Amino acid sequence: MSESHFGEWKRMGSAPKDGTRLLVLIRESEQGPNEVDVVRWAKTAKTSEECWISTDSDSDCVIQYADAELAYWMPLPSPLPKLRQPFADSGLPEPPPEASGSGI
């Protein structure tokens, strides 16, 4: 998944089936328009059948999707994007230490 970039929809046939959480586009149907959900490939507890399971499911009401229901996937965005280098690696001089107190 390290080669995947957030924001690129890919066909479901290329989705990783290793338990990784993914964003998926659910196909439009008679139940409603296209939707987006977060799923993972896993075995259901009751049947031990592998399928796409919504990550907000609970043990009493498991939401699972057939391959035909899902059109595209993309990786979840990183919770901590690397926007800048750590201060120590920036080449800038260290700031002077606080004189006293927090300055707040």
N, C-alpha and C. Protein backbone atom coordinates (compact mmCIF):
# COMPACT_ATOMS: atom_id res chain seq x y z
N MET A 1 0.81 -1.21 0.00
CA MET A 1 0.00 0.00 0.00
C MET A 1 0.85 1.26 0.00
N SER A 2 2.16 1.19 0.22
CA SER A 2 2.96 2.39 0.29
C SER A 2 3.01 3.13 -1.04
N GLU A 3 2.76 2.45 -2.17
CA GLU A 3 2.78 3.09 -3.47
C GLU A 3 1.47 3.80 -3.77
N SER A 4 0.40 3.48 -3.06
CA SER A 4 -0.90 4.09 -3.31
C SER A 4 -0.92 5.50 -2.76
N HIS A 5 -1.63 6.36 -3.45
CA HIS A 5 -1.75 7.75 -3.00
C HIS A 5 -3.20 8.05 -2.72
N PHE A 6 -3.45 8.73 -1.61
CA PHE A 6 -4.80 9.11 -1.26
C PHE A 6 -5.35 10.01 -2.35
N GLY A 7 -6.60 9.78 -2.72
CA GLY A 7 -7.25 10.61 -3.71
C GLY A 7 -7.37 9.95 -5.06
N GLU A 8 -6.81 8.76 -5.26
CA GLU A 8 -6.89 8.04 -6.52
C GLU A 8 -7.82 6.85 -6.37
N TRP A 9 -8.99 6.87 -7.03
CA TRP A 9 -9.89 5.73 -6.99
C TRP A 9 -9.33 4.63 -7.88
N LYS A 10 -9.35 3.39 -7.39
CA LYS A 10 -8.85 2.23 -8.13
C LYS A 10 -9.95 1.18 -8.21
N ARG A 11 -9.88 0.32 -9.20
CA ARG A 11 -10.88 -0.74 -9.35
C ARG A 11 -10.75 -1.73 -8.19
N MET A 12 -11.88 -2.29 -7.76
CA MET A 12 -11.92 -3.19 -6.60
C MET A 12 -11.05 -4.43 -6.78
N GLY A 13 -10.83 -4.87 -8.00
CA GLY A 13 -10.00 -6.05 -8.23
C GLY A 13 -8.58 -5.89 -7.73
N SER A 14 -8.13 -4.65 -7.57
CA SER A 14 -6.76 -4.40 -7.08
C SER A 14 -6.70 -4.11 -5.59
N ALA A 15 -7.83 -4.16 -4.90
CA ALA A 15 -7.86 -3.83 -3.46
C ALA A 15 -7.13 -4.90 -2.64
N PRO A 16 -6.35 -4.48 -1.65
CA PRO A 16 -5.65 -5.45 -0.81
C PRO A 16 -6.63 -6.21 0.09
N LYS A 17 -6.47 -7.51 0.15
CA LYS A 17 -7.36 -8.34 0.98
C LYS A 17 -6.57 -8.88 2.17
N ASP A 18 -5.93 -7.94 2.88
CA ASP A 18 -5.10 -8.30 4.02
C ASP A 18 -5.60 -7.71 5.34
N GLY A 19 -6.83 -7.18 5.34
CA GLY A 19 -7.38 -6.59 6.56
C GLY A 19 -7.18 -5.09 6.66
N THR A 20 -6.49 -4.50 5.68
CA THR A 20 -6.27 -3.06 5.67
C THR A 20 -7.60 -2.33 5.51
N ARG A 21 -7.79 -1.27 6.27
CA ARG A 21 -9.01 -0.46 6.13
C ARG A 21 -8.90 0.40 4.89
N LEU A 22 -9.98 0.44 4.10
CA LEU A 22 -10.01 1.17 2.83
C LEU A 22 -11.28 2.01 2.72
N LEU A 23 -11.21 3.08 1.95
CA LEU A 23 -12.41 3.79 1.53
C LEU A 23 -12.93 3.09 0.29
N VAL A 24 -14.24 2.86 0.21
CA VAL A 24 -14.82 2.24 -0.97
C VAL A 24 -16.01 3.05 -1.45
N LEU A 25 -16.25 2.98 -2.75
CA LEU A 25 -17.43 3.60 -3.34
C LEU A 25 -18.44 2.49 -3.59
N ILE A 26 -19.58 2.59 -2.92
CA ILE A 26 -20.65 1.61 -3.07
C ILE A 26 -21.47 2.01 -4.28
N ARG A 27 -21.76 1.04 -5.13
CA ARG A 27 -22.52 1.32 -6.36
C ARG A 27 -23.94 1.79 -6.03
N GLU A 28 -24.47 2.63 -6.88
CA GLU A 28 -25.86 3.06 -6.77
C GLU A 28 -26.77 1.84 -6.98
N SER A 29 -27.86 1.78 -6.23
CA SER A 29 -28.79 0.66 -6.36
C SER A 29 -30.20 1.15 -6.08
N GLU A 30 -31.15 0.22 -6.08
CA GLU A 30 -32.54 0.60 -5.77
C GLU A 30 -32.68 1.06 -4.31
N GLN A 31 -31.68 0.73 -3.47
CA GLN A 31 -31.72 1.19 -2.08
C GLN A 31 -31.22 2.62 -1.91
N GLY A 32 -30.54 3.16 -2.94
CA GLY A 32 -30.08 4.53 -2.82
C GLY A 32 -28.93 4.86 -3.74
N PRO A 33 -28.45 6.12 -3.67
CA PRO A 33 -27.35 6.58 -4.53
C PRO A 33 -26.00 6.03 -4.06
N ASN A 34 -24.96 6.35 -4.84
CA ASN A 34 -23.60 5.97 -4.46
C ASN A 34 -23.30 6.48 -3.05
N GLU A 35 -22.54 5.71 -2.32
CA GLU A 35 -22.09 6.11 -0.99
C GLU A 35 -20.64 5.72 -0.81
N VAL A 36 -20.01 6.29 0.19
CA VAL A 36 -18.64 5.93 0.54
C VAL A 36 -18.67 5.31 1.93
N ASP A 37 -17.88 4.25 2.11
CA ASP A 37 -17.80 3.59 3.42
C ASP A 37 -16.36 3.18 3.66
N VAL A 38 -16.03 2.86 4.89
CA VAL A 38 -14.72 2.33 5.24
C VAL A 38 -14.92 0.85 5.52
N VAL A 39 -14.14 0.01 4.81
CA VAL A 39 -14.29 -1.44 4.94
C VAL A 39 -12.93 -2.10 5.12
N ARG A 40 -12.99 -3.38 5.45
CA ARG A 40 -11.79 -4.22 5.51
C ARG A 40 -12.19 -5.61 5.05
N TRP A 41 -11.24 -6.37 4.53
CA TRP A 41 -11.47 -7.74 4.11
C TRP A 41 -11.26 -8.61 5.34
N ALA A 42 -12.28 -9.39 5.70
CA ALA A 42 -12.19 -10.20 6.91
C ALA A 42 -13.18 -11.35 6.84
N LYS A 43 -13.04 -12.26 7.79
CA LYS A 43 -14.00 -13.36 7.94
C LYS A 43 -15.09 -12.93 8.89
N THR A 44 -16.33 -13.30 8.56
CA THR A 44 -17.42 -13.01 9.48
C THR A 44 -17.35 -14.00 10.63
N ALA A 45 -17.76 -13.57 11.80
CA ALA A 45 -17.70 -14.43 12.98
C ALA A 45 -18.68 -15.59 12.90
N LYS A 46 -19.84 -15.35 12.30
CA LYS A 46 -20.88 -16.39 12.28
C LYS A 46 -20.64 -17.45 11.22
N THR A 47 -20.22 -17.03 10.01
CA THR A 47 -20.09 -18.00 8.92
C THR A 47 -18.65 -18.33 8.55
N SER A 48 -17.69 -17.57 9.05
CA SER A 48 -16.28 -17.70 8.69
C SER A 48 -16.04 -17.48 7.19
N GLU A 49 -16.97 -16.82 6.53
CA GLU A 49 -16.84 -16.49 5.11
C GLU A 49 -16.09 -15.17 4.98
N GLU A 50 -15.12 -15.09 4.07
CA GLU A 50 -14.39 -13.85 3.86
C GLU A 50 -15.19 -12.92 2.96
N CYS A 51 -15.22 -11.64 3.32
CA CYS A 51 -15.95 -10.64 2.54
C CYS A 51 -15.52 -9.26 3.00
N TRP A 52 -16.05 -8.24 2.32
CA TRP A 52 -15.80 -6.85 2.72
C TRP A 52 -16.77 -6.51 3.84
N ILE A 53 -16.22 -6.08 4.98
CA ILE A 53 -17.03 -5.76 6.15
C ILE A 53 -16.83 -4.29 6.50
N SER A 54 -17.93 -3.59 6.73
CA SER A 54 -17.87 -2.19 7.14
C SER A 54 -17.20 -2.12 8.51
N THR A 55 -16.31 -1.18 8.67
CA THR A 55 -15.57 -1.09 9.94
C THR A 55 -16.42 -0.55 11.08
N ASP A 56 -17.60 0.03 10.79
CA ASP A 56 -18.45 0.48 11.89
C ASP A 56 -19.50 -0.56 12.25
N SER A 57 -19.34 -1.78 11.75
CA SER A 57 -20.23 -2.88 12.13
C SER A 57 -19.96 -3.30 13.57
N ASP A 58 -20.97 -3.87 14.21
CA ASP A 58 -20.73 -4.49 15.50
C ASP A 58 -21.11 -5.96 15.40
N SER A 59 -20.85 -6.71 16.41
CA SER A 59 -21.08 -8.16 16.35
C SER A 59 -22.55 -8.53 16.19
N ASP A 60 -23.47 -7.67 16.61
CA ASP A 60 -24.90 -7.95 16.48
C ASP A 60 -25.45 -7.62 15.10
N CYS A 61 -24.80 -6.71 14.39
CA CYS A 61 -25.29 -6.28 13.08
C CYS A 61 -24.09 -6.02 12.17
N VAL A 62 -23.60 -7.07 11.52
CA VAL A 62 -22.44 -6.95 10.65
C VAL A 62 -22.88 -6.48 9.27
N ILE A 63 -22.30 -5.38 8.81
CA ILE A 63 -22.60 -4.87 7.47
C ILE A 63 -21.52 -5.41 6.55
N GLN A 64 -21.94 -6.25 5.60
CA GLN A 64 -20.98 -6.81 4.66
C GLN A 64 -21.40 -6.52 3.24
N TYR A 65 -20.41 -6.46 2.35
CA TYR A 65 -20.65 -6.12 0.96
C TYR A 65 -20.14 -7.23 0.06
N ALA A 66 -20.90 -7.53 -0.99
CA ALA A 66 -20.44 -8.43 -2.04
C ALA A 66 -19.55 -7.63 -2.98
N ASP A 67 -18.66 -8.31 -3.68
CA ASP A 67 -17.77 -7.62 -4.62
C ASP A 67 -18.55 -6.78 -5.62
N ALA A 68 -19.68 -7.28 -6.08
CA ALA A 68 -20.47 -6.57 -7.09
C ALA A 68 -21.06 -5.26 -6.57
N GLU A 69 -21.17 -5.10 -5.26
CA GLU A 69 -21.73 -3.87 -4.68
C GLU A 69 -20.72 -2.74 -4.63
N LEU A 70 -19.44 -3.06 -4.72
CA LEU A 70 -18.38 -2.06 -4.56
C LEU A 70 -17.73 -1.77 -5.90
N ALA A 71 -17.59 -0.50 -6.24
CA ALA A 71 -17.04 -0.11 -7.53
C ALA A 71 -15.55 0.22 -7.47
N TYR A 72 -15.15 1.05 -6.51
CA TYR A 72 -13.77 1.53 -6.43
C TYR A 72 -13.30 1.60 -4.99
N TRP A 73 -11.99 1.70 -4.82
CA TRP A 73 -11.40 1.84 -3.49
C TRP A 73 -10.25 2.83 -3.56
N MET A 74 -9.87 3.34 -2.40
CA MET A 74 -8.65 4.13 -2.25
C MET A 74 -8.17 3.97 -0.81
N PRO A 75 -6.88 4.15 -0.57
CA PRO A 75 -6.38 4.05 0.80
C PRO A 75 -6.91 5.20 1.64
N LEU A 76 -7.00 4.98 2.93
CA LEU A 76 -7.37 6.06 3.84
C LEU A 76 -6.25 7.09 3.88
N PRO A 77 -6.57 8.35 4.11
CA PRO A 77 -5.51 9.34 4.23
C PRO A 77 -4.69 9.06 5.48
N SER A 78 -3.44 9.41 5.43
CA SER A 78 -2.56 9.23 6.58
C SER A 78 -3.03 10.15 7.71
N PRO A 79 -3.11 9.64 8.94
CA PRO A 79 -3.54 10.50 10.04
C PRO A 79 -2.51 11.58 10.36
N LEU A 80 -1.25 11.34 10.03
CA LEU A 80 -0.19 12.30 10.32
C LEU A 80 0.65 12.52 9.07
N PRO A 81 0.20 13.35 8.14
CA PRO A 81 0.99 13.56 6.92
C PRO A 81 2.31 14.24 7.25
N LYS A 82 3.32 13.90 6.49
CA LYS A 82 4.63 14.51 6.70
C LYS A 82 4.65 15.82 5.93
N LEU A 83 4.35 16.91 6.61
CA LEU A 83 4.27 18.21 5.98
C LEU A 83 5.58 18.97 6.01
N ARG A 84 6.40 18.71 7.00
CA ARG A 84 7.67 19.42 7.11
C ARG A 84 8.66 18.57 7.88
N GLN A 85 9.91 18.95 7.79
CA GLN A 85 10.95 18.23 8.50
C GLN A 85 10.91 18.57 9.98
N PRO A 86 11.36 17.64 10.81
CA PRO A 86 11.49 17.99 12.24
C PRO A 86 12.45 19.17 12.39
N PHE A 87 12.25 19.96 13.43
CA PHE A 87 13.04 21.17 13.63
C PHE A 87 14.54 20.86 13.66
N ALA A 88 14.93 19.78 14.30
CA ALA A 88 16.35 19.44 14.44
C ALA A 88 16.99 19.19 13.08
N ASP A 89 16.23 18.73 12.09
CA ASP A 89 16.78 18.42 10.78
C ASP A 89 16.65 19.58 9.80
N SER A 90 16.11 20.71 10.24
CA SER A 90 15.81 21.80 9.31
C SER A 90 17.02 22.67 8.97
N GLY A 91 18.12 22.56 9.71
CA GLY A 91 19.28 23.40 9.47
C GLY A 91 19.19 24.76 10.14
N LEU A 92 18.10 25.03 10.84
CA LEU A 92 17.94 26.29 11.54
C LEU A 92 18.58 26.19 12.92
N PRO A 93 19.03 27.32 13.48
CA PRO A 93 19.60 27.26 14.83
C PRO A 93 18.51 26.94 15.85
N GLU A 94 18.90 26.30 16.93
CA GLU A 94 17.97 25.97 18.01
C GLU A 94 17.46 27.25 18.65
N PRO A 95 16.18 27.32 19.01
CA PRO A 95 15.67 28.51 19.69
C PRO A 95 16.27 28.58 21.10
N PRO A 96 16.39 29.81 21.64
CA PRO A 96 16.95 29.93 23.00
C PRO A 96 15.98 29.32 24.01
N PRO A 97 16.50 28.80 25.13
CA PRO A 97 15.61 28.22 26.16
C PRO A 97 14.78 29.32 26.80
N GLU A 98 13.63 28.93 27.38
CA GLU A 98 12.78 29.88 28.07
C GLU A 98 13.49 30.44 29.29
N ALA A 99 13.26 31.71 29.54
CA ALA A 99 13.90 32.33 30.69
C ALA A 99 13.24 31.84 31.98
N SER A 100 11.96 31.96 32.07
CA SER A 100 11.24 31.46 33.24
C SER A 100 9.76 31.39 32.90
N GLY A 101 9.11 30.37 33.38
CA GLY A 101 7.69 30.22 33.12
C GLY A 101 7.42 29.73 31.70
N SER A 102 6.16 29.57 31.41
CA SER A 102 5.81 29.04 30.10
C SER A 102 5.56 30.13 29.09
N GLY A 103 5.40 31.34 29.51
CA GLY A 103 5.13 32.43 28.59
C GLY A 103 3.68 32.48 28.13
N ILE A 104 2.83 31.71 28.78
CA ILE A 104 1.41 31.70 28.40
C ILE A 104 0.66 32.67 29.26
